[in-house]
PDB file of all heavy atoms in Angstrom:
ATOM      1  N   PRO A   1      -0.826   2.142 -20.795  1.00  0.00           N
ATOM      2  CA  PRO A   1      -1.978   1.433 -21.440  1.00  0.00           C
ATOM      3  C   PRO A   1      -1.581  -0.083 -21.582  1.00  0.00           C
ATOM      4  O   PRO A   1      -0.530  -0.455 -22.001  1.00  0.00           O
ATOM      5  CB  PRO A   1      -2.039   2.075 -22.856  1.00  0.00           C
ATOM      6  CG  PRO A   1      -1.529   3.363 -22.604  1.00  0.00           C
ATOM      7  CD  PRO A   1      -0.474   3.300 -21.558  1.00  0.00           C
ATOM      8  N   GLY A   2      -2.482  -0.906 -20.991  1.00  0.00           N
ATOM      9  CA  GLY A   2      -2.478  -2.363 -21.067  1.00  0.00           C
ATOM     10  C   GLY A   2      -1.472  -3.050 -20.194  1.00  0.00           C
ATOM     11  O   GLY A   2      -1.366  -4.251 -20.186  1.00  0.00           O
ATOM     12  N   GLY A   3      -0.896  -2.275 -19.220  1.00  0.00           N
ATOM     13  CA  GLY A   3       0.029  -2.941 -18.281  1.00  0.00           C
ATOM     14  C   GLY A   3      -0.143  -2.459 -17.003  1.00  0.00           C
ATOM     15  O   GLY A   3      -1.077  -1.737 -16.621  1.00  0.00           O
ATOM     16  N   ILE A   4       0.733  -2.907 -15.970  1.00  0.00           N
ATOM     17  CA  ILE A   4       0.657  -2.697 -14.572  1.00  0.00           C
ATOM     18  C   ILE A   4       1.991  -1.967 -14.166  1.00  0.00           C
ATOM     19  O   ILE A   4       2.959  -2.417 -14.582  1.00  0.00           O
ATOM     20  CB  ILE A   4       0.453  -3.869 -13.828  1.00  0.00           C
ATOM     21  CG1 ILE A   4      -0.896  -4.642 -14.044  1.00  0.00           C
ATOM     22  CG2 ILE A   4       0.574  -3.613 -12.256  1.00  0.00           C
ATOM     23  CD1 ILE A   4      -2.145  -3.862 -13.545  1.00  0.00           C
ATOM     24  N   ARG A   5       1.917  -0.954 -13.433  1.00  0.00           N
ATOM     25  CA  ARG A   5       3.041  -0.355 -12.914  1.00  0.00           C
ATOM     26  C   ARG A   5       3.017  -0.335 -11.299  1.00  0.00           C
ATOM     27  O   ARG A   5       2.029  -0.181 -10.785  1.00  0.00           O
ATOM     28  CB  ARG A   5       3.219   1.179 -13.398  1.00  0.00           C
ATOM     29  CG  ARG A   5       3.333   1.421 -14.824  1.00  0.00           C
ATOM     30  CD  ARG A   5       3.985   2.657 -15.268  1.00  0.00           C
ATOM     31  NE  ARG A   5       5.370   2.854 -14.694  1.00  0.00           N
ATOM     32  CZ  ARG A   5       6.113   3.777 -15.169  1.00  0.00           C
ATOM     33  NH1 ARG A   5       5.763   4.736 -16.034  1.00  0.00           N
ATOM     34  NH2 ARG A   5       7.446   3.870 -14.718  1.00  0.00           N
ATOM     35  N   VAL A   6       4.205  -0.520 -10.776  1.00  0.00           N
ATOM     36  CA  VAL A   6       4.174  -0.419  -9.262  1.00  0.00           C
ATOM     37  C   VAL A   6       5.232   0.611  -8.939  1.00  0.00           C
ATOM     38  O   VAL A   6       6.385   0.680  -9.405  1.00  0.00           O
ATOM     39  CB  VAL A   6       4.645  -1.809  -8.784  1.00  0.00           C
ATOM     40  CG1 VAL A   6       4.733  -1.663  -7.192  1.00  0.00           C
ATOM     41  CG2 VAL A   6       3.585  -2.869  -9.073  1.00  0.00           C
ATOM     42  N   LEU A   7       4.777   1.566  -7.992  1.00  0.00           N
ATOM     43  CA  LEU A   7       5.768   2.705  -7.574  1.00  0.00           C
ATOM     44  C   LEU A   7       5.755   2.633  -6.148  1.00  0.00           C
ATOM     45  O   LEU A   7       4.687   2.479  -5.500  1.00  0.00           O
ATOM     46  CB  LEU A   7       5.210   3.988  -8.135  1.00  0.00           C
ATOM     47  CG  LEU A   7       5.126   4.159  -9.575  1.00  0.00           C
ATOM     48  CD1 LEU A   7       4.307   5.359  -9.957  1.00  0.00           C
ATOM     49  CD2 LEU A   7       6.487   4.317 -10.189  1.00  0.00           C
ATOM     50  N   ILE A   8       6.858   2.679  -5.527  1.00  0.00           N
ATOM     51  CA  ILE A   8       7.085   2.492  -4.138  1.00  0.00           C
ATOM     52  C   ILE A   8       7.809   3.811  -3.567  1.00  0.00           C
ATOM     53  O   ILE A   8       8.895   4.162  -3.949  1.00  0.00           O
ATOM     54  CB  ILE A   8       7.930   1.225  -3.842  1.00  0.00           C
ATOM     55  CG1 ILE A   8       7.290   0.046  -4.381  1.00  0.00           C
ATOM     56  CG2 ILE A   8       8.162   1.186  -2.291  1.00  0.00           C
ATOM     57  CD1 ILE A   8       8.150  -1.149  -4.304  1.00  0.00           C
ATOM     58  N   GLY A   9       7.149   4.437  -2.596  1.00  0.00           N
ATOM     59  CA  GLY A   9       7.722   5.472  -1.819  1.00  0.00           C
ATOM     60  C   GLY A   9       8.223   6.674  -2.687  1.00  0.00           C
ATOM     61  O   GLY A   9       7.434   7.221  -3.400  1.00  0.00           O
ATOM     62  N   SER A  10       9.594   6.855  -2.523  1.00  0.00           N
ATOM     63  CA  SER A  10      10.128   8.002  -3.202  1.00  0.00           C
ATOM     64  C   SER A  10      10.032   8.011  -4.770  1.00  0.00           C
ATOM     65  O   SER A  10      10.238   9.067  -5.439  1.00  0.00           O
ATOM     66  CB  SER A  10      11.502   8.293  -2.726  1.00  0.00           C
ATOM     67  OG  SER A  10      12.287   7.096  -2.999  1.00  0.00           O
ATOM     68  N   GLU A  11       9.705   6.846  -5.286  1.00  0.00           N
ATOM     69  CA  GLU A  11       9.598   6.630  -6.725  1.00  0.00           C
ATOM     70  C   GLU A  11       8.524   7.543  -7.240  1.00  0.00           C
ATOM     71  O   GLU A  11       8.437   7.960  -8.550  1.00  0.00           O
ATOM     72  CB  GLU A  11       9.255   5.300  -7.140  1.00  0.00           C
ATOM     73  CG  GLU A  11      10.454   4.373  -6.916  1.00  0.00           C
ATOM     74  CD  GLU A  11      10.223   2.896  -7.291  1.00  0.00           C
ATOM     75  OE1 GLU A  11       8.919   2.422  -7.397  1.00  0.00           O
ATOM     76  OE2 GLU A  11      11.202   2.101  -7.634  1.00  0.00           O
ATOM     77  N   MET A  12       7.489   7.949  -6.390  1.00  0.00           N
ATOM     78  CA  MET A  12       6.378   8.737  -6.790  1.00  0.00           C
ATOM     79  C   MET A  12       6.713  10.180  -6.825  1.00  0.00           C
ATOM     80  O   MET A  12       5.903  11.068  -7.199  1.00  0.00           O
ATOM     81  CB  MET A  12       5.157   8.486  -5.977  1.00  0.00           C
ATOM     82  CG  MET A  12       4.614   7.060  -6.295  1.00  0.00           C
ATOM     83  SD  MET A  12       3.204   6.568  -5.279  1.00  0.00           S
ATOM     84  CE  MET A  12       4.009   5.939  -3.809  1.00  0.00           C
ATOM     85  N   ASN A  13       7.859  10.544  -6.233  1.00  0.00           N
ATOM     86  CA  ASN A  13       8.346  12.071  -6.400  1.00  0.00           C
ATOM     87  C   ASN A  13       7.425  13.015  -5.675  1.00  0.00           C
ATOM     88  O   ASN A  13       7.172  14.016  -6.109  1.00  0.00           O
ATOM     89  CB  ASN A  13       8.632  12.500  -7.788  1.00  0.00           C
ATOM     90  CG  ASN A  13       9.693  11.673  -8.446  1.00  0.00           C
ATOM     91  OD1 ASN A  13      10.890  11.465  -7.796  1.00  0.00           O
ATOM     92  ND2 ASN A  13       9.516  11.118  -9.642  1.00  0.00           N
ATOM     93  N   ASP A  14       6.890  12.561  -4.535  1.00  0.00           N
ATOM     94  CA  ASP A  14       5.936  13.465  -3.724  1.00  0.00           C
ATOM     95  C   ASP A  14       6.147  13.048  -2.300  1.00  0.00           C
ATOM     96  O   ASP A  14       5.708  11.875  -1.966  1.00  0.00           O
ATOM     97  CB  ASP A  14       4.511  13.379  -4.278  1.00  0.00           C
ATOM     98  CG  ASP A  14       3.679  14.473  -3.808  1.00  0.00           C
ATOM     99  OD1 ASP A  14       3.635  14.718  -2.410  1.00  0.00           O
ATOM    100  OD2 ASP A  14       3.123  15.157  -4.604  1.00  0.00           O
ATOM    101  N   THR A  15       6.407  13.987  -1.463  1.00  0.00           N
ATOM    102  CA  THR A  15       6.683  13.652   0.063  1.00  0.00           C
ATOM    103  C   THR A  15       5.429  13.162   0.688  1.00  0.00           C
ATOM    104  O   THR A  15       5.473  12.346   1.621  1.00  0.00           O
ATOM    105  CB  THR A  15       7.193  14.867   0.738  1.00  0.00           C
ATOM    106  OG1 THR A  15       6.273  15.927   0.536  1.00  0.00           O
ATOM    107  CG2 THR A  15       8.637  15.224   0.196  1.00  0.00           C
ATOM    108  N   ILE A  16       4.222  13.479   0.180  1.00  0.00           N
ATOM    109  CA  ILE A  16       2.931  13.037   0.699  1.00  0.00           C
ATOM    110  C   ILE A  16       2.902  11.515   0.553  1.00  0.00           C
ATOM    111  O   ILE A  16       2.249  10.883   1.427  1.00  0.00           O
ATOM    112  CB  ILE A  16       1.753  13.694   0.029  1.00  0.00           C
ATOM    113  CG1 ILE A  16       1.745  15.133   0.221  1.00  0.00           C
ATOM    114  CG2 ILE A  16       0.428  13.070   0.404  1.00  0.00           C
ATOM    115  CD1 ILE A  16       0.706  15.953  -0.565  1.00  0.00           C
ATOM    116  N   LEU A  17       3.551  10.931  -0.389  1.00  0.00           N
ATOM    117  CA  LEU A  17       3.321   9.537  -0.829  1.00  0.00           C
ATOM    118  C   LEU A  17       4.567   8.690  -0.405  1.00  0.00           C
ATOM    119  O   LEU A  17       4.649   7.534  -0.684  1.00  0.00           O
ATOM    120  CB  LEU A  17       3.163   9.353  -2.372  1.00  0.00           C
ATOM    121  CG  LEU A  17       1.830  10.034  -2.791  1.00  0.00           C
ATOM    122  CD1 LEU A  17       1.874  10.239  -4.308  1.00  0.00           C
ATOM    123  CD2 LEU A  17       0.672   9.168  -2.395  1.00  0.00           C
ATOM    124  N   ASP A  18       5.495   9.329   0.354  1.00  0.00           N
ATOM    125  CA  ASP A  18       6.848   8.634   0.779  1.00  0.00           C
ATOM    126  C   ASP A  18       6.495   7.279   1.543  1.00  0.00           C
ATOM    127  O   ASP A  18       7.320   6.298   1.473  1.00  0.00           O
ATOM    128  CB  ASP A  18       7.643   9.537   1.655  1.00  0.00           C
ATOM    129  CG  ASP A  18       8.449  10.525   0.691  1.00  0.00           C
ATOM    130  OD1 ASP A  18       8.432  10.245  -0.527  1.00  0.00           O
ATOM    131  OD2 ASP A  18       9.117  11.407   1.248  1.00  0.00           O
ATOM    132  N   ASP A  19       5.359   7.182   2.347  1.00  0.00           N
ATOM    133  CA  ASP A  19       5.168   6.041   3.070  1.00  0.00           C
ATOM    134  C   ASP A  19       4.323   5.021   2.402  1.00  0.00           C
ATOM    135  O   ASP A  19       3.831   3.993   3.004  1.00  0.00           O
ATOM    136  CB  ASP A  19       4.454   6.517   4.387  1.00  0.00           C
ATOM    137  CG  ASP A  19       5.328   7.289   5.356  1.00  0.00           C
ATOM    138  OD1 ASP A  19       6.497   6.940   5.373  1.00  0.00           O
ATOM    139  OD2 ASP A  19       4.778   8.254   5.836  1.00  0.00           O
ATOM    140  N   TYR A  20       3.972   5.191   1.087  1.00  0.00           N
ATOM    141  CA  TYR A  20       2.979   4.410   0.407  1.00  0.00           C
ATOM    142  C   TYR A  20       3.593   3.646  -0.784  1.00  0.00           C
ATOM    143  O   TYR A  20       4.745   3.963  -1.122  1.00  0.00           O
ATOM    144  CB  TYR A  20       1.844   5.205  -0.084  1.00  0.00           C
ATOM    145  CG  TYR A  20       1.052   6.067   0.936  1.00  0.00           C
ATOM    146  CD1 TYR A  20       1.375   7.421   1.205  1.00  0.00           C
ATOM    147  CD2 TYR A  20       0.018   5.529   1.571  1.00  0.00           C
ATOM    148  CE1 TYR A  20       0.734   8.100   2.163  1.00  0.00           C
ATOM    149  CE2 TYR A  20      -0.633   6.207   2.684  1.00  0.00           C
ATOM    150  CZ  TYR A  20      -0.376   7.474   2.963  1.00  0.00           C
ATOM    151  OH  TYR A  20      -0.982   8.067   3.816  1.00  0.00           O
ATOM    152  N   ALA A  21       2.807   2.769  -1.225  1.00  0.00           N
ATOM    153  CA  ALA A  21       3.190   2.168  -2.551  1.00  0.00           C
ATOM    154  C   ALA A  21       1.827   2.246  -3.424  1.00  0.00           C
ATOM    155  O   ALA A  21       0.788   2.175  -2.865  1.00  0.00           O
ATOM    156  CB  ALA A  21       3.649   0.698  -2.432  1.00  0.00           C
ATOM    157  N   LEU A  22       2.034   2.273  -4.780  1.00  0.00           N
ATOM    158  CA  LEU A  22       0.908   2.336  -5.692  1.00  0.00           C
ATOM    159  C   LEU A  22       1.074   1.266  -6.756  1.00  0.00           C
ATOM    160  O   LEU A  22       2.030   1.085  -7.288  1.00  0.00           O
ATOM    161  CB  LEU A  22       1.045   3.695  -6.465  1.00  0.00           C
ATOM    162  CG  LEU A  22       0.084   3.874  -7.686  1.00  0.00           C
ATOM    163  CD1 LEU A  22      -1.285   3.997  -7.215  1.00  0.00           C
ATOM    164  CD2 LEU A  22       0.498   5.150  -8.439  1.00  0.00           C
ATOM    165  N   VAL A  23      -0.070   0.491  -6.847  1.00  0.00           N
ATOM    166  CA  VAL A  23      -0.148  -0.438  -7.875  1.00  0.00           C
ATOM    167  C   VAL A  23      -1.145   0.172  -8.925  1.00  0.00           C
ATOM    168  O   VAL A  23      -2.351   0.361  -8.629  1.00  0.00           O
ATOM    169  CB  VAL A  23      -0.630  -1.882  -7.304  1.00  0.00           C
ATOM    170  CG1 VAL A  23      -0.808  -2.803  -8.471  1.00  0.00           C
ATOM    171  CG2 VAL A  23       0.255  -2.327  -6.323  1.00  0.00           C
ATOM    172  N   LEU A  24      -0.758   0.339 -10.121  1.00  0.00           N
ATOM    173  CA  LEU A  24      -1.606   1.110 -11.019  1.00  0.00           C
ATOM    174  C   LEU A  24      -1.795   0.346 -12.409  1.00  0.00           C
ATOM    175  O   LEU A  24      -0.871  -0.224 -12.918  1.00  0.00           O
ATOM    176  CB  LEU A  24      -0.760   2.519 -11.402  1.00  0.00           C
ATOM    177  CG  LEU A  24      -1.313   3.336 -12.422  1.00  0.00           C
ATOM    178  CD1 LEU A  24      -2.753   3.848 -12.185  1.00  0.00           C
ATOM    179  CD2 LEU A  24      -0.373   4.346 -12.735  1.00  0.00           C
ATOM    180  N   GLY A  25      -3.085   0.292 -12.850  1.00  0.00           N
ATOM    181  CA  GLY A  25      -3.421  -0.321 -14.144  1.00  0.00           C
ATOM    182  C   GLY A  25      -4.300   0.689 -14.862  1.00  0.00           C
ATOM    183  O   GLY A  25      -4.476   1.745 -14.379  1.00  0.00           O
ATOM    184  N   THR A  26      -4.771   0.117 -16.056  1.00  0.00           N
ATOM    185  CA  THR A  26      -5.589   0.953 -16.703  1.00  0.00           C
ATOM    186  C   THR A  26      -6.832   0.165 -17.302  1.00  0.00           C
ATOM    187  O   THR A  26      -6.855  -1.038 -17.307  1.00  0.00           O
ATOM    188  CB  THR A  26      -4.963   1.494 -18.130  1.00  0.00           C
ATOM    189  OG1 THR A  26      -4.481   0.513 -18.892  1.00  0.00           O
ATOM    190  CG2 THR A  26      -3.774   2.545 -17.816  1.00  0.00           C
ATOM    191  N   TYR A  27      -7.893   0.848 -17.704  1.00  0.00           N
ATOM    192  CA  TYR A  27      -9.096   0.288 -18.327  1.00  0.00           C
ATOM    193  C   TYR A  27      -9.578   1.021 -19.422  1.00  0.00           C
ATOM    194  O   TYR A  27      -9.292   2.129 -19.682  1.00  0.00           O
ATOM    195  CB  TYR A  27     -10.282   0.059 -17.227  1.00  0.00           C
ATOM    196  CG  TYR A  27     -10.894   1.367 -16.677  1.00  0.00           C
ATOM    197  CD1 TYR A  27     -11.906   1.956 -17.258  1.00  0.00           C
ATOM    198  CD2 TYR A  27     -10.158   2.098 -15.696  1.00  0.00           C
ATOM    199  CE1 TYR A  27     -12.484   3.108 -16.946  1.00  0.00           C
ATOM    200  CE2 TYR A  27     -10.694   3.371 -15.302  1.00  0.00           C
ATOM    201  CZ  TYR A  27     -11.876   3.764 -15.997  1.00  0.00           C
ATOM    202  OH  TYR A  27     -12.312   4.963 -15.534  1.00  0.00           O
ATOM    203  N   ASN A  28     -10.328   0.320 -20.451  1.00  0.00           N
ATOM    204  CA  ASN A  28     -10.849   1.139 -21.583  1.00  0.00           C
ATOM    205  C   ASN A  28     -12.342   1.325 -21.353  1.00  0.00           C
ATOM    206  O   ASN A  28     -13.017   0.449 -20.898  1.00  0.00           O
ATOM    207  CB  ASN A  28     -10.637   0.189 -22.713  1.00  0.00           C
ATOM    208  CG  ASN A  28      -9.149  -0.022 -23.112  1.00  0.00           C
ATOM    209  OD1 ASN A  28      -8.622  -0.988 -22.912  1.00  0.00           O
ATOM    210  ND2 ASN A  28      -8.545   1.049 -23.656  1.00  0.00           N
ATOM    211  N   LEU A  29     -12.707   2.546 -21.662  1.00  0.00           N
ATOM    212  CA  LEU A  29     -14.099   3.031 -21.673  1.00  0.00           C
ATOM    213  C   LEU A  29     -14.427   3.503 -23.088  1.00  0.00           C
ATOM    214  O   LEU A  29     -14.178   4.671 -23.293  1.00  0.00           O
ATOM    215  CB  LEU A  29     -14.405   4.061 -20.578  1.00  0.00           C
ATOM    216  CG  LEU A  29     -15.827   4.376 -20.273  1.00  0.00           C
ATOM    217  CD1 LEU A  29     -16.461   3.152 -19.710  1.00  0.00           C
ATOM    218  CD2 LEU A  29     -15.952   5.363 -19.190  1.00  0.00           C
TER     219      LEU A  29
END
């Protein structure tokens, strides 16, 4: 909540995502 996380490859702990990076934030509804 309120921040940004960046996860790269194996940090996501799923082989499907080994070749990717994720930039993740949140929003309020």
